[in-house]
């Protein structure tokens, strides 16, 4: 099913376009459960095509970089995984910010690679950073649920703060 969808998107939009990358991501997640080599090839192709068509910091490229890093990690290709996670982290921090869920996810993944390489000090630093960010995000959500953080919502709908 994903293969047919991908063929249609590729024919209509081109392989490196963001909507096509979403299909690649979905197919890659499903096929990676059994076929890591096939998934690796799919993500490599997606990365090369999207880098030709999109800005290097486009979210679709970041998504594929992170996914390819995950495939490499599961294959035991830790050096390659580390490089891709570092690239994804730089992009996440730049376009999403350091205190965002996707950024925390990449930090955690990079920590797992360091842990698998027995670089426990580096892994601990990343895990502590991820926990600190998650705690901060949880605090903001808790305040928001009590009405203490506005996020500009009430101003947008014309209600007083």
N, C-alpha and C. Protein backbone atom coordinates (compact mmCIF):
# COMPACT_ATOMS: atom_id res chain seq x y z
N UNK A 1 0.82 -1.19 0.00
CA UNK A 1 0.00 0.00 0.00
C UNK A 1 0.87 1.26 0.00
N UNK A 2 1.89 1.31 0.91
CA UNK A 2 2.76 2.48 0.94
C UNK A 2 3.55 2.62 -0.35
N UNK A 3 3.92 1.48 -0.94
CA UNK A 3 4.69 1.54 -2.18
C UNK A 3 3.87 2.18 -3.29
N UNK A 4 2.60 1.83 -3.39
CA UNK A 4 1.73 2.45 -4.40
C UNK A 4 1.55 3.93 -4.13
N UNK A 5 1.36 4.29 -2.87
CA UNK A 5 1.22 5.70 -2.51
C UNK A 5 2.48 6.47 -2.85
N UNK A 6 3.62 5.88 -2.53
CA UNK A 6 4.90 6.53 -2.81
C UNK A 6 5.08 6.73 -4.31
N UNK A 7 4.75 5.73 -5.10
CA UNK A 7 4.86 5.85 -6.56
C UNK A 7 3.99 6.99 -7.07
N UNK A 8 2.78 7.10 -6.55
CA UNK A 8 1.88 8.18 -6.96
C UNK A 8 2.40 9.55 -6.59
N UNK A 9 2.86 9.70 -5.35
CA UNK A 9 3.42 10.98 -4.91
C UNK A 9 4.67 11.34 -5.69
N UNK A 10 5.52 10.33 -5.91
CA UNK A 10 6.77 10.58 -6.64
C UNK A 10 6.48 11.03 -8.07
N UNK A 11 5.51 10.39 -8.70
CA UNK A 11 5.16 10.74 -10.07
C UNK A 11 4.54 12.14 -10.15
N UNK A 12 3.70 12.46 -9.19
CA UNK A 12 2.98 13.73 -9.22
C UNK A 12 3.82 14.90 -8.70
N UNK A 13 4.49 14.71 -7.56
CA UNK A 13 5.17 15.82 -6.89
C UNK A 13 6.69 15.78 -7.01
N UNK A 14 7.24 14.59 -7.18
CA UNK A 14 8.69 14.43 -7.14
C UNK A 14 9.09 13.78 -5.83
N UNK A 15 10.21 13.10 -5.84
CA UNK A 15 10.60 12.29 -4.68
C UNK A 15 11.02 13.13 -3.48
N UNK A 16 11.61 14.28 -3.70
CA UNK A 16 12.15 15.05 -2.59
C UNK A 16 11.19 16.03 -1.95
N UNK A 17 9.94 16.08 -2.39
CA UNK A 17 8.97 17.04 -1.87
C UNK A 17 8.49 16.63 -0.47
N UNK A 18 8.11 17.61 0.38
CA UNK A 18 7.71 17.30 1.75
C UNK A 18 6.57 16.29 1.87
N UNK A 19 5.54 16.39 1.03
CA UNK A 19 4.43 15.43 1.12
C UNK A 19 4.91 14.02 0.78
N UNK A 20 5.78 13.91 -0.18
CA UNK A 20 6.34 12.61 -0.54
C UNK A 20 7.20 12.08 0.61
N UNK A 21 7.93 12.98 1.28
CA UNK A 21 8.76 12.56 2.40
C UNK A 21 7.92 12.00 3.55
N UNK A 22 6.71 12.51 3.71
CA UNK A 22 5.81 11.98 4.75
C UNK A 22 5.46 10.53 4.45
N UNK A 23 5.18 10.22 3.18
CA UNK A 23 4.89 8.84 2.79
C UNK A 23 6.14 7.97 3.01
N UNK A 24 7.30 8.49 2.65
CA UNK A 24 8.56 7.76 2.86
C UNK A 24 8.73 7.46 4.34
N UNK A 25 8.50 8.47 5.17
CA UNK A 25 8.65 8.30 6.63
C UNK A 25 7.70 7.21 7.14
N UNK A 26 6.45 7.26 6.72
CA UNK A 26 5.47 6.27 7.17
C UNK A 26 5.84 4.86 6.69
N UNK A 27 6.22 4.75 5.44
CA UNK A 27 6.61 3.45 4.89
C UNK A 27 7.87 2.94 5.59
N UNK A 28 8.81 3.84 5.80
CA UNK A 28 10.04 3.45 6.46
C UNK A 28 9.81 2.94 7.87
N UNK A 29 8.89 3.57 8.59
CA UNK A 29 8.59 3.11 9.96
C UNK A 29 7.98 1.72 9.95
N UNK A 30 7.11 1.46 8.99
CA UNK A 30 6.47 0.14 8.91
C UNK A 30 7.47 -0.92 8.45
N UNK A 31 8.22 -0.61 7.39
CA UNK A 31 9.12 -1.62 6.84
C UNK A 31 10.35 -1.83 7.71
N UNK A 32 10.71 -0.85 8.54
CA UNK A 32 11.91 -0.99 9.34
C UNK A 32 11.77 -2.08 10.40
N UNK A 33 10.56 -2.49 10.67
CA UNK A 33 10.35 -3.52 11.67
C UNK A 33 11.00 -4.84 11.24
N UNK A 34 11.07 -5.11 9.96
CA UNK A 34 11.61 -6.38 9.48
C UNK A 34 12.78 -6.23 8.52
N UNK A 35 12.83 -5.15 7.80
CA UNK A 35 13.74 -5.03 6.66
C UNK A 35 14.62 -3.78 6.80
N UNK A 36 15.60 -3.84 7.68
CA UNK A 36 16.42 -2.66 7.93
C UNK A 36 17.24 -2.25 6.71
N UNK A 37 17.73 -3.20 5.94
CA UNK A 37 18.53 -2.85 4.76
C UNK A 37 17.67 -2.12 3.73
N UNK A 38 16.45 -2.61 3.51
CA UNK A 38 15.52 -1.95 2.58
C UNK A 38 15.17 -0.55 3.08
N UNK A 39 14.92 -0.45 4.36
CA UNK A 39 14.57 0.85 4.95
C UNK A 39 15.74 1.82 4.86
N UNK A 40 16.94 1.32 5.09
CA UNK A 40 18.13 2.16 4.98
C UNK A 40 18.23 2.74 3.57
N UNK A 41 18.06 1.90 2.56
CA UNK A 41 18.11 2.37 1.17
C UNK A 41 17.03 3.40 0.86
N UNK A 42 15.83 3.17 1.38
CA UNK A 42 14.72 4.10 1.17
C UNK A 42 15.04 5.46 1.77
N UNK A 43 15.53 5.47 3.01
CA UNK A 43 15.84 6.73 3.66
C UNK A 43 17.05 7.43 3.03
N UNK A 44 18.04 6.65 2.59
CA UNK A 44 19.19 7.26 1.91
C UNK A 44 18.73 7.94 0.62
N UNK A 45 17.90 7.26 -0.14
CA UNK A 45 17.37 7.84 -1.38
C UNK A 45 16.56 9.09 -1.08
N UNK A 46 15.73 9.03 -0.04
CA UNK A 46 14.91 10.17 0.34
C UNK A 46 15.79 11.35 0.75
N UNK A 47 16.84 11.08 1.49
CA UNK A 47 17.73 12.14 1.94
C UNK A 47 18.43 12.80 0.76
N UNK A 48 18.97 12.01 -0.14
CA UNK A 48 19.67 12.57 -1.29
C UNK A 48 18.73 13.39 -2.17
N UNK A 49 17.54 12.89 -2.41
CA UNK A 49 16.58 13.61 -3.25
C UNK A 49 16.10 14.89 -2.60
N UNK A 50 15.77 14.82 -1.33
CA UNK A 50 15.24 16.01 -0.66
C UNK A 50 16.31 17.08 -0.48
N UNK A 51 17.57 16.67 -0.30
CA UNK A 51 18.65 17.66 -0.19
C UNK A 51 18.84 18.44 -1.48
N UNK A 52 18.51 17.83 -2.60
CA UNK A 52 18.62 18.52 -3.88
C UNK A 52 17.47 19.51 -4.09
N UNK A 53 16.31 19.23 -3.49
CA UNK A 53 15.12 20.02 -3.77
C UNK A 53 14.76 21.03 -2.68
N UNK A 54 15.18 20.76 -1.45
CA UNK A 54 14.74 21.58 -0.32
C UNK A 54 15.92 22.24 0.36
N UNK A 55 15.62 23.25 1.16
CA UNK A 55 16.63 23.88 1.99
C UNK A 55 17.19 22.84 2.95
N UNK A 56 18.47 22.88 3.21
CA UNK A 56 19.14 21.88 4.03
C UNK A 56 18.55 21.78 5.43
N UNK A 57 17.90 22.85 5.90
CA UNK A 57 17.31 22.84 7.24
C UNK A 57 15.79 22.63 7.21
N UNK A 58 15.28 22.14 6.12
CA UNK A 58 13.84 21.89 6.02
C UNK A 58 13.44 20.77 6.99
N UNK A 59 12.29 20.91 7.64
CA UNK A 59 11.85 19.87 8.59
C UNK A 59 11.75 18.47 7.98
N UNK A 60 11.41 18.37 6.71
CA UNK A 60 11.33 17.05 6.08
C UNK A 60 12.69 16.38 6.03
N UNK A 61 13.73 17.16 5.76
CA UNK A 61 15.08 16.60 5.74
C UNK A 61 15.48 16.18 7.16
N UNK A 62 15.17 17.02 8.14
CA UNK A 62 15.49 16.69 9.53
C UNK A 62 14.83 15.37 9.93
N UNK A 63 13.59 15.18 9.50
CA UNK A 63 12.84 13.97 9.82
C UNK A 63 13.52 12.73 9.22
N UNK A 64 13.96 12.83 7.97
CA UNK A 64 14.61 11.71 7.31
C UNK A 64 15.98 11.44 7.93
N UNK A 65 16.72 12.49 8.27
CA UNK A 65 18.03 12.33 8.91
C UNK A 65 17.87 11.58 10.23
N UNK A 66 16.88 11.99 11.02
CA UNK A 66 16.64 11.32 12.30
C UNK A 66 16.25 9.85 12.09
N UNK A 67 15.40 9.60 11.12
CA UNK A 67 14.95 8.23 10.85
C UNK A 67 16.09 7.35 10.36
N UNK A 68 16.93 7.87 9.48
CA UNK A 68 18.07 7.11 8.99
C UNK A 68 19.04 6.83 10.15
N UNK A 69 19.20 7.80 11.04
CA UNK A 69 20.02 7.57 12.23
C UNK A 69 19.48 6.42 13.08
N UNK A 70 18.17 6.36 13.19
CA UNK A 70 17.54 5.28 13.95
C UNK A 70 17.79 3.92 13.30
N UNK A 71 17.71 3.87 11.98
CA UNK A 71 17.98 2.62 11.27
C UNK A 71 19.43 2.20 11.50
N UNK A 72 20.35 3.15 11.35
CA UNK A 72 21.77 2.83 11.58
C UNK A 72 21.99 2.34 13.01
N UNK A 73 21.32 2.98 13.96
CA UNK A 73 21.48 2.57 15.35
C UNK A 73 21.02 1.12 15.54
N UNK A 74 19.88 0.76 14.95
CA UNK A 74 19.38 -0.61 15.08
C UNK A 74 20.26 -1.61 14.36
N UNK A 75 20.98 -1.16 13.34
CA UNK A 75 21.91 -2.04 12.62
C UNK A 75 23.26 -2.14 13.33
N UNK A 76 23.46 -1.35 14.37
CA UNK A 76 24.74 -1.34 15.06
C UNK A 76 25.78 -0.45 14.41
N UNK A 77 25.38 0.36 13.45
CA UNK A 77 26.28 1.31 12.79
C UNK A 77 26.27 2.61 13.61
N UNK A 78 26.92 2.54 14.76
CA UNK A 78 26.80 3.61 15.74
C UNK A 78 27.49 4.90 15.32
N UNK A 79 28.60 4.82 14.61
CA UNK A 79 29.29 6.02 14.15
C UNK A 79 28.41 6.79 13.18
N UNK A 80 27.79 6.08 12.25
CA UNK A 80 26.89 6.73 11.28
C UNK A 80 25.67 7.30 11.98
N UNK A 81 25.12 6.55 12.92
CA UNK A 81 23.95 7.02 13.67
C UNK A 81 24.28 8.29 14.44
N UNK A 82 25.43 8.29 15.09
CA UNK A 82 25.85 9.45 15.88
C UNK A 82 25.95 10.70 15.00
N UNK A 83 26.57 10.57 13.83
CA UNK A 83 26.71 11.71 12.93
C UNK A 83 25.36 12.26 12.48
N UNK A 84 24.43 11.36 12.17
CA UNK A 84 23.11 11.81 11.73
C UNK A 84 22.33 12.43 12.87
N UNK A 85 22.41 11.85 14.06
CA UNK A 85 21.71 12.44 15.21
C UNK A 85 22.28 13.82 15.56
N UNK A 86 23.59 13.97 15.45
CA UNK A 86 24.20 15.28 15.71
C UNK A 86 23.70 16.31 14.69
N UNK A 87 23.62 15.90 13.45
CA UNK A 87 23.09 16.79 12.40
C UNK A 87 21.63 17.14 12.68
N UNK A 88 20.83 16.13 13.02
CA UNK A 88 19.41 16.38 13.32
C UNK A 88 19.27 17.30 14.53
N UNK A 89 20.11 17.12 15.53
CA UNK A 89 20.05 17.95 16.72
C UNK A 89 20.36 19.41 16.40
N UNK A 90 21.38 19.64 15.60
CA UNK A 90 21.71 21.02 15.21
C UNK A 90 20.53 21.68 14.49
N UNK A 91 19.91 20.94 13.60
CA UNK A 91 18.78 21.48 12.85
C UNK A 91 17.58 21.70 13.77
N UNK A 92 17.30 20.74 14.63
CA UNK A 92 16.18 20.89 15.58
C UNK A 92 16.35 22.13 16.44
N UNK A 93 17.54 22.28 16.99
CA UNK A 93 17.79 23.43 17.87
C UNK A 93 17.65 24.75 17.11
N UNK A 94 18.05 24.74 15.86
CA UNK A 94 18.00 25.97 15.08
C UNK A 94 16.57 26.32 14.65
N UNK A 95 15.81 25.34 14.14
CA UNK A 95 14.50 25.68 13.60
C UNK A 95 13.35 25.48 14.59
N UNK A 96 13.52 24.58 15.57
CA UNK A 96 12.46 24.33 16.54
C UNK A 96 12.76 24.92 17.91
N UNK A 97 14.02 25.01 18.24
CA UNK A 97 14.43 25.48 19.55
C UNK A 97 14.84 24.33 20.45
N UNK A 98 15.60 24.64 21.50
CA UNK A 98 16.11 23.59 22.37
C UNK A 98 15.05 22.97 23.27
N UNK A 99 13.98 23.67 23.53
CA UNK A 99 12.97 23.17 24.45
C UNK A 99 11.72 22.73 23.69
N UNK A 100 11.89 21.74 22.85
CA UNK A 100 10.79 21.22 22.05
C UNK A 100 10.88 19.71 22.06
N UNK A 101 9.75 19.04 21.96
CA UNK A 101 9.71 17.58 22.09
C UNK A 101 10.58 16.84 21.10
N UNK A 102 10.59 17.28 19.85
CA UNK A 102 11.41 16.62 18.84
C UNK A 102 12.89 16.75 19.16
N UNK A 103 13.28 17.93 19.63
CA UNK A 103 14.67 18.16 20.02
C UNK A 103 15.06 17.22 21.15
N UNK A 104 14.19 17.08 22.14
CA UNK A 104 14.46 16.19 23.27
C UNK A 104 14.58 14.74 22.78
N UNK A 105 13.75 14.36 21.84
CA UNK A 105 13.81 13.01 21.29
C UNK A 105 15.16 12.73 20.63
N UNK A 106 15.67 13.69 19.89
CA UNK A 106 16.97 13.52 19.23
C UNK A 106 18.09 13.47 20.28
N UNK A 107 17.99 14.31 21.30
CA UNK A 107 18.99 14.30 22.38
C UNK A 107 19.03 12.92 23.03
N UNK A 108 17.85 12.37 23.30
CA UNK A 108 17.76 11.04 23.91
C UNK A 108 18.37 9.97 22.99
N UNK A 109 18.06 10.05 21.71
CA UNK A 109 18.60 9.07 20.76
C UNK A 109 20.12 9.15 20.69
N UNK A 110 20.65 10.36 20.69
CA UNK A 110 22.10 10.53 20.68
C UNK A 110 22.70 9.97 21.97
N UNK A 111 22.01 10.16 23.08
CA UNK A 111 22.47 9.58 24.35
C UNK A 111 22.52 8.06 24.30
N UNK A 112 21.53 7.46 23.65
CA UNK A 112 21.51 6.00 23.51
C UNK A 112 22.70 5.50 22.69
N UNK A 113 23.07 6.26 21.67
CA UNK A 113 24.24 5.88 20.87
C UNK A 113 25.50 5.95 21.72
N UNK A 114 25.66 7.05 22.46
CA UNK A 114 26.84 7.17 23.34
C UNK A 114 26.87 6.04 24.37
N UNK A 115 25.71 5.70 24.90
CA UNK A 115 25.64 4.61 25.88
C UNK A 115 26.08 3.29 25.23
N UNK A 116 25.60 3.02 24.02
CA UNK A 116 25.98 1.79 23.31
C UNK A 116 27.46 1.76 22.98
N UNK A 117 28.08 2.95 22.85
CA UNK A 117 29.52 3.03 22.59
C UNK A 117 30.34 3.04 23.88
N UNK A 118 29.68 2.86 25.00
CA UNK A 118 30.32 2.90 26.33
C UNK A 118 30.90 4.27 26.66
N UNK A 119 30.33 5.30 26.09
CA UNK A 119 30.71 6.68 26.42
C UNK A 119 29.67 7.19 27.42
N UNK A 120 29.76 6.66 28.62
CA UNK A 120 28.71 6.86 29.61
C UNK A 120 28.65 8.29 30.13
N UNK A 121 29.78 8.97 30.22
CA UNK A 121 29.78 10.36 30.67
C UNK A 121 29.02 11.24 29.68
N UNK A 122 29.31 11.06 28.38
CA UNK A 122 28.62 11.83 27.36
C UNK A 122 27.13 11.51 27.34
N UNK A 123 26.81 10.23 27.50
CA UNK A 123 25.41 9.82 27.52
C UNK A 123 24.68 10.46 28.70
N UNK A 124 25.31 10.45 29.86
CA UNK A 124 24.67 11.03 31.05
C UNK A 124 24.41 12.52 30.87
N UNK A 125 25.35 13.23 30.29
CA UNK A 125 25.16 14.67 30.04
C UNK A 125 23.92 14.89 29.16
N UNK A 126 23.79 14.08 28.12
CA UNK A 126 22.63 14.23 27.24
C UNK A 126 21.33 13.84 27.94
N UNK A 127 21.35 12.77 28.71
CA UNK A 127 20.14 12.36 29.44
C UNK A 127 19.73 13.44 30.45
N UNK A 128 20.70 14.02 31.15
CA UNK A 128 20.38 15.09 32.11
C UNK A 128 19.78 16.30 31.39
N UNK A 129 20.33 16.62 30.23
CA UNK A 129 19.81 17.73 29.44
C UNK A 129 18.37 17.45 29.01
N UNK A 130 18.11 16.24 28.56
CA UNK A 130 16.76 15.87 28.13
C UNK A 130 15.79 15.93 29.31
N UNK A 131 16.20 15.40 30.47
CA UNK A 131 15.33 15.43 31.64
C UNK A 131 15.04 16.86 32.10
N UNK A 132 16.06 17.70 32.09
CA UNK A 132 15.87 19.10 32.48
C UNK A 132 14.85 19.79 31.57
N UNK A 133 14.97 19.54 30.28
CA UNK A 133 14.05 20.14 29.32
C UNK A 133 12.64 19.59 29.51
N UNK A 134 12.52 18.29 29.70
CA UNK A 134 11.20 17.69 29.92
C UNK A 134 10.56 18.23 31.19
N UNK A 135 11.35 18.39 32.24
CA UNK A 135 10.83 18.96 33.48
C UNK A 135 10.33 20.39 33.26
N UNK A 136 11.10 21.17 32.50
CA UNK A 136 10.68 22.54 32.21
C UNK A 136 9.39 22.55 31.39
N UNK A 137 9.31 21.68 30.40
CA UNK A 137 8.10 21.61 29.59
C UNK A 137 6.91 21.16 30.42
N UNK A 138 7.11 20.22 31.32
CA UNK A 138 6.02 19.76 32.18
C UNK A 138 5.55 20.88 33.09
N UNK A 139 6.48 21.70 33.58
CA UNK A 139 6.11 22.84 34.43
C UNK A 139 5.27 23.85 33.69
N UNK A 140 5.62 24.12 32.45
CA UNK A 140 4.85 25.06 31.63
C UNK A 140 3.45 24.51 31.39
N UNK A 141 3.35 23.23 31.09
CA UNK A 141 2.03 22.63 30.85
C UNK A 141 1.19 22.65 32.11
N UNK A 142 1.83 22.41 33.27
CA UNK A 142 1.10 22.41 34.53
C UNK A 142 0.56 23.81 34.82
N UNK A 143 1.40 24.83 34.61
CA UNK A 143 0.95 26.21 34.82
C UNK A 143 -0.16 26.57 33.84
N UNK A 144 -0.04 26.10 32.61
CA UNK A 144 -1.05 26.40 31.60
C UNK A 144 -2.39 25.78 31.99
N UNK A 145 -2.37 24.59 32.57
CA UNK A 145 -3.61 23.94 32.95
C UNK A 145 -4.28 24.66 34.12
N UNK A 146 -3.50 25.41 34.89
CA UNK A 146 -4.05 26.20 36.00
C UNK A 146 -4.39 27.62 35.56
N UNK A 147 -4.19 27.92 34.28
CA UNK A 147 -4.50 29.25 33.77
C UNK A 147 -3.45 30.29 34.04
N UNK A 148 -2.23 29.88 34.43
CA UNK A 148 -1.18 30.84 34.76
C UNK A 148 -0.31 31.20 33.57
N UNK A 149 -0.36 30.42 32.53
CA UNK A 149 0.40 30.73 31.31
C UNK A 149 -0.61 30.94 30.20
N UNK A 150 -0.46 32.03 29.48
CA UNK A 150 -1.48 32.42 28.51
C UNK A 150 -1.18 31.97 27.10
N UNK A 151 0.06 31.96 26.67
CA UNK A 151 0.47 31.63 25.30
C UNK A 151 -0.20 32.55 24.27
N UNK A 152 -0.77 33.68 24.71
CA UNK A 152 -1.41 34.61 23.78
C UNK A 152 -2.78 34.19 23.32
N UNK A 153 -3.28 33.08 23.82
CA UNK A 153 -4.57 32.55 23.35
C UNK A 153 -5.71 33.51 23.63
N UNK A 154 -5.80 33.98 24.86
CA UNK A 154 -6.94 34.85 25.20
C UNK A 154 -6.89 36.15 24.42
N UNK A 155 -5.71 36.67 24.18
CA UNK A 155 -5.61 37.89 23.38
C UNK A 155 -6.09 37.65 21.96
N UNK A 156 -5.82 36.49 21.41
CA UNK A 156 -6.21 36.18 20.03
C UNK A 156 -7.72 36.09 19.87
N UNK A 157 -8.41 35.65 20.93
CA UNK A 157 -9.86 35.53 20.81
C UNK A 157 -10.59 36.72 21.42
N UNK A 158 -9.83 37.74 21.83
CA UNK A 158 -10.43 38.98 22.28
C UNK A 158 -10.89 39.00 23.73
N UNK A 159 -10.46 38.05 24.53
CA UNK A 159 -10.81 38.03 25.94
C UNK A 159 -9.69 38.68 26.74
N UNK A 160 -10.03 39.32 27.83
CA UNK A 160 -8.96 39.89 28.67
C UNK A 160 -8.13 38.79 29.31
N UNK A 161 -6.90 39.15 29.61
CA UNK A 161 -5.99 38.17 30.21
C UNK A 161 -6.21 38.05 31.68
